Amino acid sequence: MNKIKTAILVTGTPGVGKTTVANKLASRLDAACICITEMVKNEKLITATDEQRQTLVADTKKLTKRVQDMLMELEGNIILEGHYVVDVVPKEHVNTVVVLRRDPHELKEVLEKRGYSEKKVWENIAAEVLDVCLWDAISTCGVENVCEIDVSNKTVETVIEEIVLVLERKQECTSGTIDWLGKLEITGELDEFLKKIG
């Protein structure tokens, strides 16, 4: 009987550096790297276009089937990245989920540099501050498989080192430790952020 192929998932709010981190981690681990967003675009695995958000709506059923096929076809280590990757990789195929987190101030700068509209910037900041990707990962894949990494003010190389230590079990895999709401409250910025998010 074939052993179930498992993958490392890299997720997080848009702007946290998923693609860069996943590609560099893949090089380090000699792994295949699959960008879910690119796959959706290139293979037209979409059901609609959300004009208001200026995004494609993925056909998760077709995408899940495609991901399962790829997991069976590919040899060696596999890394999949995308902000909804946990929704399309069955739990039995998940080795570790790495949730990248970024300080809301830094995230705002990154998204503005990308040319996101103000509405889209604050929508993504809200998702980051409210731990949306983290809780999606935990509820789908189980807390024991989810590792939260703060990328704020860190080089990609430093982030990769942290992830590798976690994967090698030399550093504890923890989640639920990053508290942007608490940090904003301490700095007296919480009300201002909540107004913008609302």
Protein backbone atom coordinates (compact mmCIF):
# COMPACT_ATOMS: atom_id res chain seq x y z
CA MET A 1 0.00 0.00 0.00
CA ASN A 2 1.33 3.46 -0.90
CA LYS A 3 2.31 5.77 1.92
CA ILE A 4 0.22 8.96 1.83
CA LYS A 5 2.32 11.80 0.43
CA THR A 6 2.47 14.79 2.78
CA ALA A 7 3.25 18.41 2.05
CA ILE A 8 4.37 21.54 3.85
CA LEU A 9 1.82 24.32 3.47
CA VAL A 10 2.78 28.00 3.61
CA THR A 11 -0.13 30.36 4.21
CA GLY A 12 -0.94 33.82 5.53
CA THR A 13 -2.59 37.10 4.64
CA PRO A 14 -1.64 38.66 1.26
CA GLY A 15 1.56 40.67 1.76
CA VAL A 16 3.29 38.46 4.35
CA GLY A 17 5.78 37.02 1.83
CA LYS A 18 4.35 33.54 1.18
CA THR A 19 5.63 33.14 -2.38
CA THR A 20 9.17 34.34 -1.64
CA VAL A 21 9.45 32.23 1.52
CA ALA A 22 7.95 29.12 -0.12
CA ASN A 23 10.29 29.32 -3.13
CA LYS A 24 13.40 29.81 -0.97
CA LEU A 25 12.32 27.06 1.41
CA ALA A 26 11.79 24.76 -1.59
CA SER A 27 15.36 25.48 -2.76
CA ARG A 28 16.70 24.79 0.72
CA LEU A 29 14.78 21.49 1.07
CA ASP A 30 15.18 20.46 -2.58
CA ALA A 31 11.39 20.41 -2.82
CA ALA A 32 8.81 21.11 -5.52
CA CYS A 33 6.95 24.38 -4.90
CA ILE A 34 3.37 24.91 -6.01
CA CYS A 35 1.74 28.33 -5.90
CA ILE A 36 -2.00 27.76 -5.57
CA THR A 37 -2.91 31.25 -6.85
CA GLU A 38 -0.83 30.76 -10.01
CA MET A 39 -2.34 27.32 -10.56
CA VAL A 40 -5.86 28.78 -10.33
CA LYS A 41 -4.98 31.45 -12.94
CA ASN A 42 -2.93 29.28 -15.30
CA GLU A 43 -5.31 26.32 -15.32
CA LYS A 44 -8.44 28.50 -15.15
CA LEU A 45 -9.76 26.69 -12.07
CA ILE A 46 -12.24 29.45 -11.34
CA THR A 47 -15.97 29.75 -10.83
CA ALA A 48 -16.27 33.55 -11.06
CA THR A 49 -14.53 36.90 -10.76
CA ASP A 50 -15.20 39.04 -7.71
CA GLU A 51 -15.27 42.48 -9.36
CA GLN A 52 -15.58 44.35 -6.07
CA ARG A 53 -12.47 42.71 -4.60
CA GLN A 54 -10.72 42.42 -8.01
CA THR A 55 -9.97 38.75 -7.39
CA LEU A 56 -10.73 35.39 -8.98
CA VAL A 57 -13.01 32.97 -7.14
CA ALA A 58 -11.34 29.55 -7.16
CA ASP A 59 -13.24 26.39 -7.99
CA THR A 60 -12.16 24.62 -4.79
CA LYS A 61 -13.58 21.25 -5.84
CA LYS A 62 -11.55 21.13 -9.07
CA LEU A 63 -8.54 22.66 -7.33
CA THR A 64 -8.60 20.06 -4.52
CA LYS A 65 -8.71 17.25 -7.11
CA ARG A 66 -5.84 18.82 -9.07
CA VAL A 67 -3.74 19.21 -5.90
CA GLN A 68 -4.37 15.56 -4.93
CA ASP A 69 -3.28 14.43 -8.40
CA MET A 70 -0.10 16.50 -8.15
CA LEU A 71 0.72 15.10 -4.72
CA MET A 72 0.58 11.61 -6.24
CA GLU A 73 2.59 12.55 -9.35
CA LEU A 74 5.45 14.51 -7.79
CA GLU A 75 8.50 12.89 -6.22
CA GLY A 76 10.17 14.04 -3.01
CA ASN A 77 9.26 16.96 -0.76
CA ILE A 78 6.40 19.26 -1.74
CA ILE A 79 5.60 22.79 -0.60
CA LEU A 80 2.25 24.40 -1.44
CA GLU A 81 1.60 28.08 -0.84
CA GLY A 82 -1.39 30.38 -0.93
CA HIS A 83 -3.74 32.13 1.46
CA TYR A 84 -6.46 29.47 1.02
CA VAL A 85 -4.14 26.47 0.62
CA VAL A 86 -5.55 24.80 3.76
CA ASP A 87 -8.95 24.61 2.04
CA VAL A 88 -7.68 22.54 -0.90
CA VAL A 89 -5.16 20.12 0.65
CA PRO A 90 -6.83 17.24 2.52
CA LYS A 91 -5.69 16.98 6.14
CA GLU A 92 -4.14 13.54 5.63
CA HIS A 93 -1.70 15.11 3.14
CA VAL A 94 -0.58 17.86 5.54
CA ASN A 95 2.79 17.53 7.25
CA THR A 96 3.11 21.05 8.68
CA VAL A 97 1.26 24.32 8.07
CA VAL A 98 3.47 27.41 8.35
CA VAL A 99 1.37 30.54 8.92
CA LEU A 100 3.39 33.66 8.18
CA ARG A 101 2.43 36.75 10.22
CA ARG A 102 3.37 40.40 9.67
CA ASP A 103 3.00 43.45 11.90
CA PRO A 104 -0.05 45.45 10.65
CA HIS A 105 2.04 48.62 10.11
CA GLU A 106 4.54 46.73 7.95
CA LEU A 107 1.74 44.92 6.14
CA LYS A 108 0.07 48.25 5.30
CA GLU A 109 3.32 49.50 3.69
CA VAL A 110 3.75 46.29 1.67
CA LEU A 111 0.18 46.34 0.35
CA GLU A 112 0.29 50.04 -0.50
CA LYS A 113 3.53 49.48 -2.45
CA ARG A 114 1.71 46.76 -4.38
CA GLY A 115 -0.89 49.32 -5.39
CA TYR A 116 -3.81 47.82 -3.49
CA SER A 117 -6.83 50.11 -3.09
CA GLU A 118 -7.34 51.54 0.41
CA LYS A 119 -10.37 49.27 0.89
CA LYS A 120 -8.36 46.17 -0.05
CA VAL A 121 -5.44 47.25 2.17
CA TRP A 122 -7.68 47.54 5.23
CA GLU A 123 -9.57 44.36 4.39
CA ASN A 124 -6.27 42.45 4.46
CA ILE A 125 -5.07 44.24 7.60
CA ALA A 126 -8.34 43.21 9.28
CA ALA A 127 -7.69 39.58 8.29
CA GLU A 128 -4.17 39.78 9.76
CA VAL A 129 -5.18 41.53 13.00
CA LEU A 130 -8.08 39.08 13.54
CA ASP A 131 -5.87 35.98 12.92
CA VAL A 132 -8.09 34.77 10.05
CA CYS A 133 -5.47 32.62 8.27
CA LEU A 134 -4.20 31.20 11.55
CA TRP A 135 -7.64 30.07 12.71
CA ASP A 136 -8.52 28.71 9.25
CA ALA A 137 -5.35 26.60 9.41
CA ILE A 138 -6.01 25.38 12.96
CA SER A 139 -9.68 24.55 12.34
CA THR A 140 -8.87 22.69 9.11
CA CYS A 141 -5.57 20.98 9.91
CA GLY A 142 -5.46 20.77 13.71
CA VAL A 143 -3.45 22.89 16.14
CA GLU A 144 -0.74 20.23 16.40
CA ASN A 145 0.16 20.74 12.72
CA VAL A 146 0.18 24.56 12.68
CA CYS A 147 3.23 26.73 13.26
CA GLU A 148 3.07 30.53 13.38
CA ILE A 149 6.13 32.51 12.24
CA ASP A 150 6.43 36.29 12.70
CA VAL A 151 8.22 37.69 9.63
CA SER A 152 8.16 41.34 10.83
CA ASN A 153 11.54 43.08 10.46
CA LYS A 154 13.21 39.82 9.43
CA THR A 155 15.14 38.84 6.33
CA VAL A 156 13.81 35.96 4.24
CA GLU A 157 16.92 33.97 5.23
CA THR A 158 16.12 34.39 8.96
CA VAL A 159 12.53 33.25 8.36
CA ILE A 160 13.75 30.19 6.41
CA GLU A 161 16.13 29.27 9.26
CA GLU A 162 13.25 29.43 11.76
CA ILE A 163 11.04 27.24 9.58
CA VAL A 164 13.82 24.68 9.04
CA LEU A 165 14.43 24.47 12.82
CA VAL A 166 10.73 23.81 13.33
CA LEU A 167 10.64 21.16 10.58
CA GLU A 168 13.72 19.47 12.08
CA ARG A 169 11.99 19.58 15.50
CA LYS A 170 14.83 21.70 16.91
CA GLN A 171 12.45 24.56 17.65
CA GLU A 172 8.95 24.24 19.07
CA CYS A 173 6.05 24.58 16.66
CA THR A 174 3.73 27.11 18.31
CA SER A 175 0.57 28.95 17.31
CA GLY A 176 -1.70 31.53 18.91
CA THR A 177 1.19 33.50 20.40
CA ILE A 178 1.09 36.56 18.12
CA ASP A 179 -1.38 39.18 19.34
CA TRP A 180 -1.65 42.21 17.06
CA LEU A 181 -4.83 43.41 18.79
CA GLY A 182 -3.02 43.44 22.13
CA LYS A 183 -0.02 45.24 20.62
CA LEU A 184 -2.24 47.92 19.06
CA GLU A 185 -4.05 48.35 22.36
CA ILE A 186 -0.76 48.85 24.22
CA THR A 187 0.38 51.49 21.70
CA GLY A 188 -3.02 53.24 21.88
CA GLU A 189 -3.74 52.64 18.18
CA LEU A 190 -6.47 50.03 18.47
CA ASP A 191 -9.46 52.41 18.16
CA GLU A 192 -7.94 54.06 15.08
CA PHE A 193 -7.29 50.68 13.43
CA LEU A 194 -10.75 49.37 14.26
CA LYS A 195 -12.36 52.46 12.71
CA LYS A 196 -10.38 51.96 9.49
CA ILE A 197 -11.10 48.22 9.46
CA GLY A 198 -14.82 48.79 10.13
